[in-house]
Amino acid sequence: MTTTRIKVGSNDARVKELKTLVERDPLNVNQRFALAQALESNGKLDESVKEYGVAIEKGRRNLGVAHCNYAMSLMKVNKPEEALRHFDFAIETDPSNASFYLNNKASALTQVGLHDKARAIYAQILDRKDLSKETQRIVIKRVADMRTSPPKK
């Protein structure tokens, strides 16, 4: 990657343009990096550092969601071991959304007949302090469904 030195204070228009792009697409990490670089070259180091921090956080969250979506697709093609590994990657990468990823992991465990492990994860989710009402409702319903439906053989 090549870098171009820009005269400090000379790219206000570029900063404004990048801020507009980031406002329109706040999860676009590449645009955030470009904004951080433009802010730095404009001498606005505090703002630049802030944008780098936000870019890392957004990237981490997107990566967690990507691992979760990949795991769910692996379950659809009957690759549960690999899927479970990617659910764990999602949890590791983005612990702020762990309840969501754990919920999907427990569902996958249920699909492959590992009901005891799934129940343990559902219990772990219900014990979390950061649990949303919607996730709580889904987990309670899934646990109830596990009780009423016979285990798959």
C-alpha atoms as a PDB file:
ATOM      1  CA  MET A   1       0.000   0.000   0.000  1.00  0.00           C
ATOM      2  CA  THR A   2       1.380   3.387  -0.916  1.00  0.00           C
ATOM      3  CA  THR A   3       0.756   6.468   1.129  1.00  0.00           C
ATOM      4  CA  THR A   4       0.655   9.985  -0.119  1.00  0.00           C
ATOM      5  CA  ARG A   5       1.708  12.849   2.109  1.00  0.00           C
ATOM      6  CA  ILE A   6      -0.784  15.644   2.030  1.00  0.00           C
ATOM      7  CA  LYS A   7       0.060  19.108   3.238  1.00  0.00           C
ATOM      8  CA  VAL A   8      -1.424  19.543   6.721  1.00  0.00           C
ATOM      9  CA  GLY A   9      -4.642  21.543   6.629  1.00  0.00           C
ATOM     10  CA  SER A  10      -5.126  21.220   2.896  1.00  0.00           C
ATOM     11  CA  ASN A  11      -7.943  18.707   2.560  1.00  0.00           C
ATOM     12  CA  ASP A  12     -10.972  20.112   4.358  1.00  0.00           C
ATOM     13  CA  ALA A  13     -13.179  19.259   1.369  1.00  0.00           C
ATOM     14  CA  ARG A  14     -12.004  15.628   1.455  1.00  0.00           C
ATOM     15  CA  VAL A  15     -12.726  15.394   5.198  1.00  0.00           C
ATOM     16  CA  LYS A  16     -16.211  16.832   4.654  1.00  0.00           C
ATOM     17  CA  GLU A  17     -16.864  14.399   1.779  1.00  0.00           C
ATOM     18  CA  LEU A  18     -15.677  11.409   3.818  1.00  0.00           C
ATOM     19  CA  LYS A  19     -17.756  12.448   6.840  1.00  0.00           C
ATOM     20  CA  THR A  20     -20.828  12.515   4.584  1.00  0.00           C
ATOM     21  CA  LEU A  21     -19.993   9.050   3.234  1.00  0.00           C
ATOM     22  CA  VAL A  22     -19.471   7.661   6.740  1.00  0.00           C
ATOM     23  CA  GLU A  23     -22.798   9.135   7.886  1.00  0.00           C
ATOM     24  CA  ARG A  24     -24.540   7.387   4.970  1.00  0.00           C
ATOM     25  CA  ASP A  25     -22.753   4.061   5.555  1.00  0.00           C
ATOM     26  CA  PRO A  26     -21.519   3.940   9.160  1.00  0.00           C
ATOM     27  CA  LEU A  27     -20.418   0.293   8.934  1.00  0.00           C
ATOM     28  CA  ASN A  28     -18.085   0.892   5.981  1.00  0.00           C
ATOM     29  CA  VAL A  29     -14.733   0.433   7.668  1.00  0.00           C
ATOM     30  CA  ASN A  30     -12.709   1.424   4.597  1.00  0.00           C
ATOM     31  CA  GLN A  31     -14.370   4.834   4.457  1.00  0.00           C
ATOM     32  CA  ARG A  32     -13.717   5.301   8.181  1.00  0.00           C
ATOM     33  CA  PHE A  33     -10.034   4.508   7.667  1.00  0.00           C
ATOM     34  CA  ALA A  34      -9.883   7.017   4.816  1.00  0.00           C
ATOM     35  CA  LEU A  35     -11.571   9.619   7.037  1.00  0.00           C
ATOM     36  CA  ALA A  36      -9.119   8.926   9.862  1.00  0.00           C
ATOM     37  CA  GLN A  37      -6.191   9.362   7.472  1.00  0.00           C
ATOM     38  CA  ALA A  38      -7.632  12.594   6.082  1.00  0.00           C
ATOM     39  CA  LEU A  39      -8.209  13.948   9.597  1.00  0.00           C
ATOM     40  CA  GLU A  40      -4.644  13.049  10.560  1.00  0.00           C
ATOM     41  CA  SER A  41      -3.198  14.777   7.522  1.00  0.00           C
ATOM     42  CA  ASN A  42      -5.337  17.783   8.418  1.00  0.00           C
ATOM     43  CA  GLY A  43      -3.680  17.922  11.828  1.00  0.00           C
ATOM     44  CA  LYS A  44      -6.788  16.752  13.707  1.00  0.00           C
ATOM     45  CA  LEU A  45      -5.093  13.910  15.559  1.00  0.00           C
ATOM     46  CA  ASP A  46      -7.699  13.490  18.318  1.00  0.00           C
ATOM     47  CA  GLU A  47     -10.504  13.110  15.769  1.00  0.00           C
ATOM     48  CA  SER A  48      -8.333  10.783  13.713  1.00  0.00           C
ATOM     49  CA  VAL A  49      -7.647   8.503  16.674  1.00  0.00           C
ATOM     50  CA  LYS A  50     -11.365   8.447  17.491  1.00  0.00           C
ATOM     51  CA  GLU A  51     -12.241   7.396  13.927  1.00  0.00           C
ATOM     52  CA  TYR A  52      -9.612   4.634  13.966  1.00  0.00           C
ATOM     53  CA  GLY A  53     -11.154   3.338  17.194  1.00  0.00           C
ATOM     54  CA  VAL A  54     -14.648   3.380  15.721  1.00  0.00           C
ATOM     55  CA  ALA A  55     -13.366   1.631  12.567  1.00  0.00           C
ATOM     56  CA  ILE A  56     -11.865  -1.175  14.626  1.00  0.00           C
ATOM     57  CA  GLU A  57     -15.066  -1.601  16.630  1.00  0.00           C
ATOM     58  CA  LYS A  58     -17.264  -1.620  13.516  1.00  0.00           C
ATOM     59  CA  GLY A  59     -14.924  -4.062  11.793  1.00  0.00           C
ATOM     60  CA  ARG A  60     -14.934  -6.376  14.789  1.00  0.00           C
ATOM     61  CA  ARG A  61     -18.712  -6.402  14.941  1.00  0.00           C
ATOM     62  CA  ASN A  62     -19.034  -7.000  11.228  1.00  0.00           C
ATOM     63  CA  LEU A  63     -16.564  -9.853  11.501  1.00  0.00           C
ATOM     64  CA  GLY A  64     -18.605 -11.429  14.313  1.00  0.00           C
ATOM     65  CA  VAL A  65     -21.762 -11.231  12.227  1.00  0.00           C
ATOM     66  CA  ALA A  66     -19.881 -12.630   9.220  1.00  0.00           C
ATOM     67  CA  HIS A  67     -18.702 -15.646  11.248  1.00  0.00           C
ATOM     68  CA  CYS A  68     -22.244 -16.194  12.555  1.00  0.00           C
ATOM     69  CA  ASN A  69     -23.802 -15.986   9.086  1.00  0.00           C
ATOM     70  CA  TYR A  70     -21.139 -18.333   7.720  1.00  0.00           C
ATOM     71  CA  ALA A  71     -21.825 -20.788  10.553  1.00  0.00           C
ATOM     72  CA  MET A  72     -25.556 -20.702   9.852  1.00  0.00           C
ATOM     73  CA  SER A  73     -24.912 -21.411   6.178  1.00  0.00           C
ATOM     74  CA  LEU A  74     -22.580 -24.290   7.123  1.00  0.00           C
ATOM     75  CA  MET A  75     -25.413 -25.800   9.171  1.00  0.00           C
ATOM     76  CA  LYS A  76     -27.606 -25.711   6.058  1.00  0.00           C
ATOM     77  CA  VAL A  77     -25.049 -27.800   4.137  1.00  0.00           C
ATOM     78  CA  ASN A  78     -24.691 -30.276   7.015  1.00  0.00           C
ATOM     79  CA  LYS A  79     -21.273 -29.199   8.329  1.00  0.00           C
ATOM     80  CA  PRO A  80     -22.083 -28.770  12.036  1.00  0.00           C
ATOM     81  CA  GLU A  81     -18.548 -29.196  13.428  1.00  0.00           C
ATOM     82  CA  GLU A  82     -17.192 -26.413  11.242  1.00  0.00           C
ATOM     83  CA  ALA A  83     -20.282 -24.287  11.950  1.00  0.00           C
ATOM     84  CA  LEU A  84     -19.852 -24.614  15.715  1.00  0.00           C
ATOM     85  CA  ARG A  85     -16.251 -23.456  15.380  1.00  0.00           C
ATOM     86  CA  HIS A  86     -17.410 -20.316  13.539  1.00  0.00           C
ATOM     87  CA  PHE A  87     -20.073 -19.583  16.160  1.00  0.00           C
ATOM     88  CA  ASP A  88     -17.207 -19.624  18.678  1.00  0.00           C
ATOM     89  CA  PHE A  89     -15.159 -17.278  16.457  1.00  0.00           C
ATOM     90  CA  ALA A  90     -18.147 -14.896  16.343  1.00  0.00           C
ATOM     91  CA  ILE A  91     -18.423 -14.916  20.144  1.00  0.00           C
ATOM     92  CA  GLU A  92     -14.676 -14.362  20.532  1.00  0.00           C
ATOM     93  CA  THR A  93     -14.544 -11.606  17.935  1.00  0.00           C
ATOM     94  CA  ASP A  94     -17.614  -9.694  19.056  1.00  0.00           C
ATOM     95  CA  PRO A  95     -18.421 -10.445  22.706  1.00  0.00           C
ATOM     96  CA  SER A  96     -20.848  -7.512  22.865  1.00  0.00           C
ATOM     97  CA  ASN A  97     -23.277  -9.616  20.781  1.00  0.00           C
ATOM     98  CA  ALA A  98     -22.468 -12.929  22.489  1.00  0.00           C
ATOM     99  CA  SER A  99     -26.094 -13.614  23.459  1.00  0.00           C
ATOM    100  CA  PHE A 100     -27.134 -13.508  19.810  1.00  0.00           C
ATOM    101  CA  TYR A 101     -24.297 -15.816  18.721  1.00  0.00           C
ATOM    102  CA  LEU A 102     -24.821 -18.200  21.649  1.00  0.00           C
ATOM    103  CA  ASN A 103     -28.512 -18.400  20.779  1.00  0.00           C
ATOM    104  CA  ASN A 104     -27.656 -19.448  17.229  1.00  0.00           C
ATOM    105  CA  LYS A 105     -25.028 -21.895  18.475  1.00  0.00           C
ATOM    106  CA  ALA A 106     -27.532 -23.538  20.831  1.00  0.00           C
ATOM    107  CA  SER A 107     -30.020 -23.830  17.993  1.00  0.00           C
ATOM    108  CA  ALA A 108     -27.344 -25.532  15.880  1.00  0.00           C
ATOM    109  CA  LEU A 109     -26.532 -27.928  18.725  1.00  0.00           C
ATOM    110  CA  THR A 110     -30.222 -28.813  18.953  1.00  0.00           C
ATOM    111  CA  GLN A 111     -30.307 -29.523  15.212  1.00  0.00           C
ATOM    112  CA  VAL A 112     -27.494 -32.053  15.552  1.00  0.00           C
ATOM    113  CA  GLY A 113     -29.068 -33.710  18.582  1.00  0.00           C
ATOM    114  CA  LEU A 114     -26.818 -32.270  21.309  1.00  0.00           C
ATOM    115  CA  HIS A 115     -29.760 -31.172  23.449  1.00  0.00           C
ATOM    116  CA  ASP A 116     -27.952 -31.163  26.797  1.00  0.00           C
ATOM    117  CA  LYS A 117     -25.245 -28.837  25.462  1.00  0.00           C
ATOM    118  CA  ALA A 118     -27.914 -26.625  23.895  1.00  0.00           C
ATOM    119  CA  ARG A 119     -29.828 -26.437  27.189  1.00  0.00           C
ATOM    120  CA  ALA A 120     -26.626 -25.477  29.011  1.00  0.00           C
ATOM    121  CA  ILE A 121     -26.028 -22.643  26.530  1.00  0.00           C
ATOM    122  CA  TYR A 122     -29.655 -21.467  26.784  1.00  0.00           C
ATOM    123  CA  ALA A 123     -29.251 -21.382  30.590  1.00  0.00           C
ATOM    124  CA  GLN A 124     -26.018 -19.407  30.162  1.00  0.00           C
ATOM    125  CA  ILE A 125     -27.825 -16.909  27.913  1.00  0.00           C
ATOM    126  CA  LEU A 126     -30.677 -16.437  30.390  1.00  0.00           C
ATOM    127  CA  ASP A 127     -28.130 -15.717  33.150  1.00  0.00           C
ATOM    128  CA  ARG A 128     -26.520 -12.881  31.183  1.00  0.00           C
ATOM    129  CA  LYS A 129     -27.077  -9.324  32.395  1.00  0.00           C
ATOM    130  CA  ASP A 130     -26.995  -7.846  28.864  1.00  0.00           C
ATOM    131  CA  LEU A 131     -29.844  -9.981  27.528  1.00  0.00           C
ATOM    132  CA  SER A 132     -32.433  -8.153  25.439  1.00  0.00           C
ATOM    133  CA  LYS A 133     -36.131  -8.885  25.978  1.00  0.00           C
ATOM    134  CA  GLU A 134     -36.400 -10.192  22.406  1.00  0.00           C
ATOM    135  CA  THR A 135     -33.508 -12.645  22.839  1.00  0.00           C
ATOM    136  CA  GLN A 136     -34.954 -13.729  26.169  1.00  0.00           C
ATOM    137  CA  ARG A 137     -38.317 -14.399  24.502  1.00  0.00           C
ATOM    138  CA  ILE A 138     -36.671 -16.426  21.717  1.00  0.00           C
ATOM    139  CA  VAL A 139     -34.598 -18.486  24.147  1.00  0.00           C
ATOM    140  CA  ILE A 140     -37.577 -19.274  26.371  1.00  0.00           C
ATOM    141  CA  LYS A 141     -39.577 -20.356  23.319  1.00  0.00           C
ATOM    142  CA  ARG A 142     -36.742 -22.572  22.052  1.00  0.00           C
ATOM    143  CA  VAL A 143     -36.346 -24.233  25.457  1.00  0.00           C
ATOM    144  CA  ALA A 144     -40.091 -24.861  25.563  1.00  0.00           C
ATOM    145  CA  ASP A 145     -39.972 -26.305  22.035  1.00  0.00           C
ATOM    146  CA  MET A 146     -37.172 -28.649  23.130  1.00  0.00           C
ATOM    147  CA  ARG A 147     -39.407 -29.970  25.926  1.00  0.00           C
ATOM    148  CA  THR A 148     -42.423 -30.569  23.690  1.00  0.00           C
ATOM    149  CA  SER A 149     -40.755 -32.001  20.583  1.00  0.00           C
ATOM    150  CA  PRO A 150     -39.203 -35.450  20.633  1.00  0.00           C
ATOM    151  CA  PRO A 151     -35.422 -35.556  20.103  1.00  0.00           C
ATOM    152  CA  LYS A 152     -34.260 -36.270  16.546  1.00  0.00           C
ATOM    153  CA  LYS A 153     -32.685 -39.654  15.967  1.00  0.00           C
END
